[in-house]
Protein backbone atom coordinates (compact mmCIF):
# COMPACT_ATOMS: atom_id res chain seq x y z
CA MET A 1 -0.35 -5.53 -4.92
CA ALA A 2 0.93 -5.01 -1.42
CA GLU A 3 2.80 -6.63 1.39
CA GLU A 4 3.05 -6.42 5.15
CA GLN A 5 3.39 -3.43 7.42
CA LYS A 6 4.37 -1.70 10.58
CA GLN A 7 2.71 0.67 13.02
CA ALA A 8 1.08 2.47 10.14
CA SER A 9 -0.80 4.85 12.39
CA THR A 10 2.26 7.08 12.05
CA GLU A 11 2.16 6.88 8.26
CA PRO A 12 0.95 9.72 6.05
CA ALA A 13 -2.69 9.59 5.07
CA VAL A 14 -3.78 7.99 1.82
CA GLY A 15 -5.98 10.92 0.94
CA GLY A 16 -3.11 13.41 1.03
CA GLU A 17 0.31 12.37 2.18
CA GLU A 18 2.20 14.64 4.50
CA GLU A 19 5.61 16.10 3.87
CA SER A 20 8.13 14.68 6.30
CA ASP A 21 11.85 14.79 6.96
CA GLU A 22 11.63 11.24 8.29
CA GLN A 23 11.95 8.08 6.25
CA ILE A 24 8.53 7.19 4.82
CA VAL A 25 7.57 3.78 3.44
CA THR A 26 3.92 3.00 2.67
CA PRO A 27 2.14 1.16 -0.16
CA TRP A 28 1.82 4.54 -1.92
CA THR A 29 5.14 6.30 -1.32
CA ALA A 30 8.71 5.60 -0.29
CA HIS A 31 11.58 7.97 0.33
CA ALA A 32 14.64 8.15 2.54
CA ALA A 33 14.98 10.50 5.50
CA LYS A 34 16.08 14.03 4.72
CA GLY A 35 19.81 14.15 4.15
CA GLU A 36 20.12 10.38 3.58
CA THR A 37 21.06 8.92 0.21
CA THR A 38 19.36 5.54 0.70
CA ILE A 39 16.43 4.00 2.52
CA ASP A 40 17.46 2.41 5.82
CA TYR A 41 16.25 -1.18 5.49
CA GLU A 42 17.58 -2.23 8.90
CA LYS A 43 15.30 0.40 10.39
CA LEU A 44 12.38 -1.00 8.40
CA ILE A 45 13.04 -4.52 9.73
CA ASN A 46 12.97 -3.19 13.28
CA LYS A 47 9.90 -1.06 12.68
CA PHE A 48 7.92 -3.71 10.81
CA GLY A 49 8.97 -6.55 13.09
CA SER A 50 10.13 -8.84 10.28
CA GLN A 51 13.29 -10.96 10.24
CA LYS A 52 16.48 -10.37 8.28
CA ILE A 53 17.44 -13.03 5.76
CA GLY A 54 20.78 -14.27 7.05
CA SER A 55 23.36 -16.86 6.07
CA ASP A 56 21.67 -19.65 8.02
CA LEU A 57 18.41 -19.21 6.09
CA LEU A 58 20.29 -19.08 2.78
CA LYS A 59 22.07 -22.33 3.66
CA ARG A 60 18.77 -23.97 4.47
CA ILE A 61 17.21 -22.76 1.20
CA THR A 62 20.18 -24.26 -0.62
CA ALA A 63 19.81 -27.55 1.25
CA VAL A 64 16.08 -27.83 0.59
CA THR A 65 16.14 -26.79 -3.08
CA LYS A 66 19.53 -28.37 -3.81
CA LYS A 67 20.29 -25.28 -5.88
CA GLU A 68 22.29 -22.10 -5.38
CA PRO A 69 20.10 -19.25 -4.04
CA HIS A 70 19.08 -16.58 -6.51
CA HIS A 71 21.49 -13.65 -6.62
CA PHE A 72 18.65 -11.45 -5.33
CA LEU A 73 18.89 -13.44 -2.09
CA LYS A 74 22.67 -13.58 -1.93
CA ARG A 75 23.00 -9.83 -2.49
CA GLY A 76 20.32 -8.81 -0.01
CA ILE A 77 17.88 -7.52 -2.62
CA PHE A 78 15.35 -9.81 -0.97
CA PHE A 79 16.45 -9.02 2.56
CA SER A 80 13.60 -9.68 4.98
CA HIS A 81 11.06 -12.41 5.62
CA ARG A 82 8.19 -13.64 7.72
CA ASP A 83 7.98 -17.36 8.48
CA MET A 84 10.06 -18.55 5.52
CA GLU A 85 11.09 -21.40 7.82
CA SER A 86 7.50 -22.68 7.73
CA ILE A 87 7.69 -22.96 3.94
CA LEU A 88 10.96 -24.88 4.14
CA ASP A 89 9.42 -27.11 6.81
CA ALA A 90 6.54 -27.84 4.44
CA CYS A 91 8.98 -28.72 1.66
CA GLU A 92 10.90 -31.10 3.87
CA LYS A 93 7.66 -32.80 4.93
CA LYS A 94 6.50 -33.00 1.28
CA LYS A 95 3.54 -30.75 2.06
CA PRO A 96 2.20 -28.45 -0.68
CA PHE A 97 2.26 -24.66 -0.76
CA PHE A 98 1.58 -22.04 -3.39
CA LEU A 99 3.01 -18.70 -4.48
CA TYR A 100 1.07 -15.45 -4.63
CA THR A 101 2.23 -12.15 -6.06
CA GLY A 102 0.58 -9.38 -8.02
CA ARG A 103 0.62 -6.25 -10.10
CA GLY A 104 -1.38 -3.04 -10.01
CA PRO A 105 -1.94 -2.18 -13.70
CA SER A 106 -1.75 1.60 -13.76
CA SER A 107 0.33 2.09 -16.92
CA GLU A 108 0.55 0.70 -20.45
CA SER A 109 3.94 -0.82 -19.75
CA MET A 110 5.75 -2.12 -16.70
CA HIS A 111 9.15 -0.66 -15.82
CA LEU A 112 12.29 -2.41 -14.62
CA GLY A 113 11.28 -2.11 -10.99
CA HIS A 114 8.04 -3.96 -11.67
CA LEU A 115 10.06 -6.78 -13.21
CA ILE A 116 12.00 -7.62 -10.03
CA PRO A 117 9.32 -9.53 -8.07
CA PHE A 118 8.33 -11.48 -11.17
CA LEU A 119 11.92 -12.51 -11.95
CA PHE A 120 12.28 -13.70 -8.38
CA THR A 121 8.89 -15.42 -8.35
CA LYS A 122 9.88 -17.28 -11.54
CA TYR A 123 12.94 -18.58 -9.67
CA LEU A 124 10.76 -19.66 -6.75
CA GLN A 125 8.31 -21.47 -9.02
CA ASP A 126 11.16 -23.28 -10.73
CA VAL A 127 13.10 -24.41 -7.66
CA PHE A 128 10.06 -25.36 -5.55
CA ASP A 129 7.89 -26.63 -8.42
CA VAL A 130 4.69 -25.07 -7.07
CA PRO A 131 1.62 -23.30 -8.47
CA LEU A 132 1.44 -19.51 -8.65
CA VAL A 133 -1.45 -17.06 -8.57
CA VAL A 134 -0.90 -13.53 -9.87
CA GLN A 135 -3.46 -10.95 -8.79
CA MET A 136 -4.01 -8.01 -11.16
CA THR A 137 -5.55 -5.31 -8.97
CA ASP A 138 -7.44 -3.41 -11.64
CA ASP A 139 -10.10 -2.58 -9.04
CA GLU A 140 -7.46 -0.92 -6.84
CA LYS A 141 -6.12 1.19 -9.69
CA PHE A 142 -9.64 2.30 -10.62
CA LEU A 143 -10.16 3.45 -7.02
CA TRP A 144 -6.79 5.19 -6.60
CA LYS A 145 -5.98 6.48 -10.08
CA ASN A 146 -7.78 8.62 -12.64
CA LEU A 147 -8.82 5.59 -14.68
CA SER A 148 -12.17 4.35 -15.92
CA VAL A 149 -13.24 0.80 -15.11
CA GLU A 150 -12.77 -0.12 -18.76
CA GLU A 151 -9.27 1.38 -18.97
CA ALA A 152 -8.12 -0.30 -15.76
CA ARG A 153 -9.31 -3.65 -17.09
CA ARG A 154 -7.60 -3.05 -20.46
CA LEU A 155 -4.30 -2.26 -18.73
CA THR A 156 -4.61 -5.57 -16.89
CA THR A 157 -4.43 -7.43 -20.20
CA GLU A 158 -1.49 -5.32 -21.37
CA ASN A 159 0.42 -5.90 -18.13
CA ALA A 160 -0.44 -9.61 -18.19
CA LYS A 161 1.57 -9.83 -21.40
CA ASP A 162 4.63 -8.58 -19.50
CA VAL A 163 4.03 -11.11 -16.73
CA ILE A 164 3.67 -13.97 -19.19
CA ALA A 165 6.87 -12.85 -20.95
CA CYS A 166 8.78 -13.61 -17.74
CA GLY A 167 8.45 -17.29 -18.60
CA PHE A 168 6.00 -18.71 -16.08
CA ASP A 169 4.66 -22.24 -16.58
CA VAL A 170 1.10 -21.92 -17.90
CA LYS A 171 0.20 -25.29 -16.37
CA LYS A 172 1.05 -23.97 -12.91
CA THR A 173 0.14 -20.26 -13.17
CA LEU A 174 -3.12 -18.35 -12.93
CA ILE A 175 -3.18 -14.63 -13.72
CA PHE A 176 -6.48 -13.08 -12.72
CA SER A 177 -8.23 -9.73 -12.91
CA ASP A 178 -9.97 -8.83 -9.66
CA MET A 179 -12.88 -7.41 -11.64
CA ASP A 180 -13.39 -10.68 -13.47
CA TYR A 181 -12.46 -13.18 -10.76
CA ILE A 182 -14.77 -11.78 -8.07
CA SER A 183 -17.74 -12.23 -10.38
CA SER A 184 -16.80 -15.74 -11.53
CA VAL A 185 -15.49 -17.45 -8.38
CA PRO A 186 -17.86 -17.14 -5.38
CA ASN A 187 -15.29 -18.62 -2.97
CA PHE A 188 -12.99 -15.68 -3.59
CA TYR A 189 -15.69 -13.16 -2.75
CA LYS A 190 -16.70 -15.14 0.34
CA ASN A 191 -13.14 -14.94 1.64
CA ILE A 192 -13.10 -11.20 0.95
CA LEU A 193 -16.25 -10.84 3.04
CA ARG A 194 -14.75 -12.90 5.86
CA VAL A 195 -11.69 -10.65 5.99
CA GLN A 196 -13.79 -7.48 5.83
CA LYS A 197 -15.82 -8.63 8.81
CA CYS A 198 -12.63 -9.16 10.87
CA VAL A 199 -11.17 -5.67 10.33
CA THR A 200 -12.77 -2.55 11.79
CA VAL A 201 -12.72 0.89 10.20
CA ASN A 202 -10.46 2.12 13.03
CA GLN A 203 -8.01 -0.70 12.35
CA ALA A 204 -8.03 0.09 8.62
CA ARG A 205 -7.33 3.75 9.41
CA GLY A 206 -4.46 2.80 11.68
CA ILE A 207 -2.90 0.43 9.17
CA PHE A 208 -3.39 2.37 5.95
CA GLY A 209 -3.93 5.97 7.03
CA PHE A 210 -7.36 6.35 5.43
CA VAL A 211 -9.05 9.72 5.94
CA ASP A 212 -12.65 10.92 5.84
CA THR A 213 -12.38 12.10 2.24
CA ASP A 214 -11.32 8.67 0.95
CA CYS A 215 -13.99 6.77 -0.94
CA ILE A 216 -15.39 3.67 0.77
CA GLY A 217 -13.95 1.51 -2.01
CA LYS A 218 -10.43 2.21 -0.73
CA ILE A 219 -11.34 1.14 2.79
CA SER A 220 -12.75 -2.16 1.55
CA PHE A 221 -9.94 -2.95 -0.89
CA PRO A 222 -7.30 -4.40 1.52
CA ALA A 223 -9.52 -7.44 2.03
CA VAL A 224 -9.40 -8.06 -1.72
CA GLN A 225 -5.62 -8.19 -1.62
CA ALA A 226 -5.68 -10.43 1.44
CA ALA A 227 -8.03 -13.09 0.05
CA PRO A 228 -5.62 -14.69 -2.49
CA ALA A 229 -3.38 -15.73 0.43
CA PHE A 230 -6.07 -18.28 1.35
CA SER A 231 -6.16 -21.52 -0.62
CA THR A 232 -9.95 -21.80 -0.78
CA SER A 233 -9.99 -18.69 -2.98
CA PHE A 234 -8.82 -21.06 -5.73
CA PRO A 235 -11.21 -24.02 -5.47
CA GLN A 236 -10.39 -25.21 -8.99
CA THR A 237 -6.93 -26.20 -7.71
CA PHE A 238 -7.20 -26.62 -3.95
CA GLY A 239 -10.86 -27.49 -3.46
CA ASP A 240 -11.96 -26.76 0.11
CA ARG A 241 -8.55 -27.38 1.69
CA LYS A 242 -7.66 -24.68 4.20
CA ASP A 243 -4.29 -26.11 5.29
CA ILE A 244 -2.17 -25.13 2.28
CA CYS A 245 0.48 -22.52 3.02
CA CYS A 246 1.09 -19.46 0.87
CA LEU A 247 4.41 -17.71 0.15
CA ILE A 248 4.25 -14.09 -0.99
CA PRO A 249 7.31 -12.43 -2.57
CA CYS A 250 6.84 -8.66 -2.58
CA ALA A 251 8.45 -5.29 -1.99
CA ILE A 252 8.65 -4.13 1.62
CA ASP A 253 6.16 -1.30 1.04
CA GLN A 254 3.42 -3.88 0.61
CA ASP A 255 3.92 -5.16 4.14
CA PRO A 256 0.84 -3.46 5.67
CA TYR A 257 -1.60 -5.47 3.58
CA PHE A 258 -0.13 -8.77 4.62
CA ARG A 259 0.38 -7.95 8.25
CA MET A 260 -3.34 -7.44 8.30
CA THR A 261 -3.76 -10.73 6.42
CA ARG A 262 -1.54 -12.60 8.88
CA ASP A 263 -3.53 -11.21 11.79
CA VAL A 264 -6.82 -12.36 10.28
CA ALA A 265 -5.70 -15.76 8.94
CA PRO A 266 -5.83 -17.82 12.20
CA ARG A 267 -9.25 -16.39 13.03
CA LEU A 268 -10.52 -17.77 9.73
CA GLY A 269 -8.81 -21.13 10.09
CA PHE A 270 -6.01 -20.53 7.56
CA PRO A 271 -2.23 -20.67 8.05
CA LYS A 272 -0.49 -17.31 8.14
CA PRO A 273 1.07 -16.50 4.76
CA ALA A 274 4.85 -16.36 4.67
CA LEU A 275 6.60 -13.42 3.03
CA LEU A 276 9.86 -12.52 1.34
CA HIS A 277 10.47 -8.75 1.19
CA SER A 278 12.59 -6.98 -1.40
CA THR A 279 14.31 -3.63 -1.36
CA PHE A 280 13.12 -0.97 -3.79
CA PHE A 281 14.41 -0.62 -7.31
CA PRO A 282 15.80 2.93 -7.21
CA ALA A 283 14.72 5.78 -9.42
CA LEU A 284 17.26 7.02 -11.95
CA GLN A 285 17.71 10.15 -9.85
CA GLY A 286 18.99 8.21 -6.87
CA PRO A 287 18.40 5.33 -4.40
CA GLN A 288 16.66 7.60 -1.88
CA SER A 289 13.36 6.86 -3.70
CA LYS A 290 11.87 4.09 -5.83
CA MET A 291 11.26 4.01 -9.57
CA SER A 292 7.79 5.29 -10.46
CA ALA A 293 5.69 4.67 -13.57
CA SER A 294 4.14 8.13 -13.19
CA ASP A 295 7.42 9.90 -14.02
CA PRO A 296 9.05 8.67 -17.25
CA ASN A 297 12.29 10.45 -16.42
CA THR A 298 12.75 8.30 -13.29
CA SER A 299 11.99 5.03 -15.04
CA ILE A 300 13.17 2.66 -17.73
CA PHE A 301 10.15 0.99 -19.28
CA LEU A 302 10.03 -2.45 -20.82
CA THR A 303 8.88 -0.76 -24.05
CA ASP A 304 11.89 1.59 -24.25
CA SER A 305 14.10 1.40 -27.33
CA PRO A 306 17.87 0.76 -27.06
CA ASN A 307 18.50 4.45 -27.76
CA ALA A 308 15.99 5.55 -25.12
CA ILE A 309 17.64 3.28 -22.55
CA LYS A 310 21.07 4.67 -23.39
CA LYS A 311 19.84 8.25 -23.22
CA LYS A 312 18.10 7.80 -19.89
CA ILE A 313 21.10 6.12 -18.26
CA MET A 314 23.68 8.56 -19.61
CA LYS A 315 21.57 11.65 -18.89
CA PHE A 316 19.52 10.87 -15.79
CA ALA A 317 21.21 8.06 -13.83
CA PHE A 318 22.62 9.57 -10.64
CA SER A 319 26.38 9.16 -10.45
CA GLY A 320 28.45 8.36 -7.40
CA GLY A 321 31.52 9.65 -9.19
CA ARG A 322 33.54 12.73 -8.35
CA ASP A 323 33.30 16.18 -9.89
CA THR A 324 36.48 15.83 -11.95
CA VAL A 325 38.37 12.94 -13.50
CA GLU A 326 41.42 13.79 -11.41
CA GLU A 327 39.42 13.74 -8.18
CA HIS A 328 37.71 10.51 -9.17
CA ARG A 329 41.01 8.81 -9.97
CA LYS A 330 42.30 9.86 -6.57
CA LEU A 331 39.25 9.23 -4.35
CA GLY A 332 37.14 6.75 -6.32
CA GLY A 333 33.38 6.58 -6.68
CA ASN A 334 30.60 5.85 -4.21
CA THR A 335 28.83 2.63 -5.24
CA GLU A 336 26.16 3.01 -2.54
CA ALA A 337 24.93 6.23 -4.16
CA ASP A 338 25.63 5.35 -7.78
CA VAL A 339 22.44 4.27 -9.55
CA SER A 340 24.22 2.51 -12.40
CA TYR A 341 26.11 0.30 -9.98
CA GLN A 342 22.95 -0.36 -7.98
CA TYR A 343 21.18 -1.48 -11.17
CA LEU A 344 24.06 -3.84 -11.90
CA THR A 345 23.48 -5.55 -8.54
CA PHE A 346 20.00 -6.44 -9.83
CA PHE A 347 20.85 -7.51 -13.36
CA MET A 348 24.49 -8.62 -13.53
CA GLU A 349 24.43 -12.25 -12.42
CA ASP A 350 28.20 -12.80 -12.49
CA ASP A 351 29.34 -12.25 -8.88
CA ASP A 352 33.03 -12.05 -9.76
CA LYS A 353 32.53 -9.50 -12.51
CA LEU A 354 30.32 -7.36 -10.27
CA ALA A 355 32.93 -7.48 -7.50
CA LYS A 356 35.63 -6.38 -9.96
CA ILE A 357 33.49 -3.44 -11.15
CA LYS A 358 32.90 -2.41 -7.54
CA GLU A 359 36.63 -2.57 -6.79
CA ASP A 360 37.60 -0.63 -9.92
CA TYR A 361 34.95 2.06 -9.43
CA GLU A 362 35.67 2.62 -5.75
CA SER A 363 39.42 2.76 -6.43
CA GLY A 364 38.98 5.29 -9.24
CA LYS A 365 40.21 2.95 -11.95
CA MET A 366 36.76 2.90 -13.59
CA LEU A 367 35.03 6.18 -14.45
CA SER A 368 31.30 6.93 -14.25
CA GLY A 369 30.90 6.91 -18.02
CA GLU A 370 32.51 3.48 -18.24
CA LEU A 371 30.23 2.14 -15.52
CA LYS A 372 27.16 3.52 -17.28
CA LYS A 373 28.27 1.98 -20.56
CA GLU A 374 28.50 -1.43 -18.88
CA LEU A 375 24.96 -1.05 -17.56
CA VAL A 376 23.52 0.20 -20.86
CA GLY A 377 24.63 -2.97 -22.67
CA ILE A 378 23.06 -5.23 -20.04
CA LEU A 379 19.76 -3.34 -19.94
CA GLN A 380 19.48 -3.12 -23.72
CA GLU A 381 19.87 -6.89 -23.98
CA LEU A 382 17.45 -7.53 -21.09
CA VAL A 383 14.71 -5.26 -22.42
CA ALA A 384 15.09 -6.41 -26.03
CA GLY A 385 14.73 -10.03 -24.93
CA HIS A 386 11.64 -9.18 -22.92
CA GLN A 387 10.11 -7.30 -25.85
CA GLN A 388 10.69 -10.29 -28.12
CA ARG A 389 9.00 -12.69 -25.70
CA ARG A 390 6.13 -10.25 -25.11
CA ALA A 391 5.52 -9.90 -28.85
CA ALA A 392 5.11 -13.69 -29.03
CA VAL A 393 2.27 -13.65 -26.45
CA THR A 394 -0.97 -14.38 -28.30
CA ASP A 395 -4.55 -13.63 -27.29
CA GLU A 396 -5.07 -17.36 -26.93
CA LEU A 397 -2.17 -17.65 -24.49
CA ILE A 398 -3.48 -14.72 -22.44
CA THR A 399 -6.87 -16.41 -22.23
CA GLU A 400 -5.24 -19.65 -21.13
CA PHE A 401 -3.28 -17.96 -18.34
CA MET A 402 -6.31 -15.95 -17.19
CA THR A 403 -8.97 -18.68 -17.26
CA PRO A 404 -9.79 -20.08 -13.78
CA ARG A 405 -8.81 -23.74 -13.90
CA ALA A 406 -7.02 -26.48 -11.99
CA LEU A 407 -3.28 -25.85 -11.74
CA GLU A 408 -0.76 -28.64 -11.52
CA PHE A 409 0.60 -29.13 -8.02
CA LYS A 410 1.89 -31.88 -5.79
CA CYS A 411 -0.75 -32.69 -3.23
CA ALA A 412 0.37 -36.04 -1.79
CA ASN A 413 -0.29 -34.74 1.71
């Protein structure tokens, strides 16, 4: 799925992205500027026009939920937002809202980077006690990838198992295939049509960089991703109510889709969806780009064995250490460039232990091999636990999650 965007008229075209020395972030590619080791997220906030998540917002989230913010929030992994205050306002006034996130099923297995928004969305569902819709964009992957309709739909079911394994409440969660849902829920398709009528071809080109050689399916797809942000797309739960807010947790590269959605929403009588943007989960080769399912050497998959995880980390994970042990002991390592440390910021929940590792690595007390060993143990446990939960997902449970039905939600107002 996607999120909001910036002045995408300067972005590379979808049909054939341009080489550039500048930082590039689109729904289809992301890399740092030439010579930089990381993506500049402050620059993205300024360019996209979103707001940085600061201490005041974190304090308010704590006050409203009466729980400590997720470490993804505290550590700036989710770093930017649009109108999160409106969601907190709704909570304080006891007004309902719902969560919306998604997955583009282009591979048999999700990788660690795909797991991040779902782990965070699980936290949001738990602390706010709200319903969640998960869009599986099998139609998008058919249009963009070399997949048949049947294969894209099959991968949706496989990826749904990974989503379910994250622990979502089946009474409050709908996972839906675009291919199936469009044909079974007329309200969803009607909202797609309404969005399509509001956006011109020129606007779509400017936002997404479409070119003349792109198929017309690509040009029409953004409306499909926009429609789940509107409550009437889920009449089984919300009926014909148009006043229910939507909160979308997503990676920052998805911003263009939802900027378009926010522009259209008031014209259709819906509230603008709120967003929480995350940073990218870096590729093994370095934080200047994001992990990609298309290159197995840049990714750790949720199907990888303990040995495969160890091998990938020890062999491919970019090190911020020095060339020799002596130099490292003297000068210390660079945690900003070190992939193993960056992964620990995602998956090591203990703040004190993470701070100690950072101190020891930057001082030279901890070596790169020791840091990688720490990460390997955490990832092996994480992936093994996920695999165990995924193996317990039955066909009946998949059907239950993916059947359009009324979700539990508080609708006093």
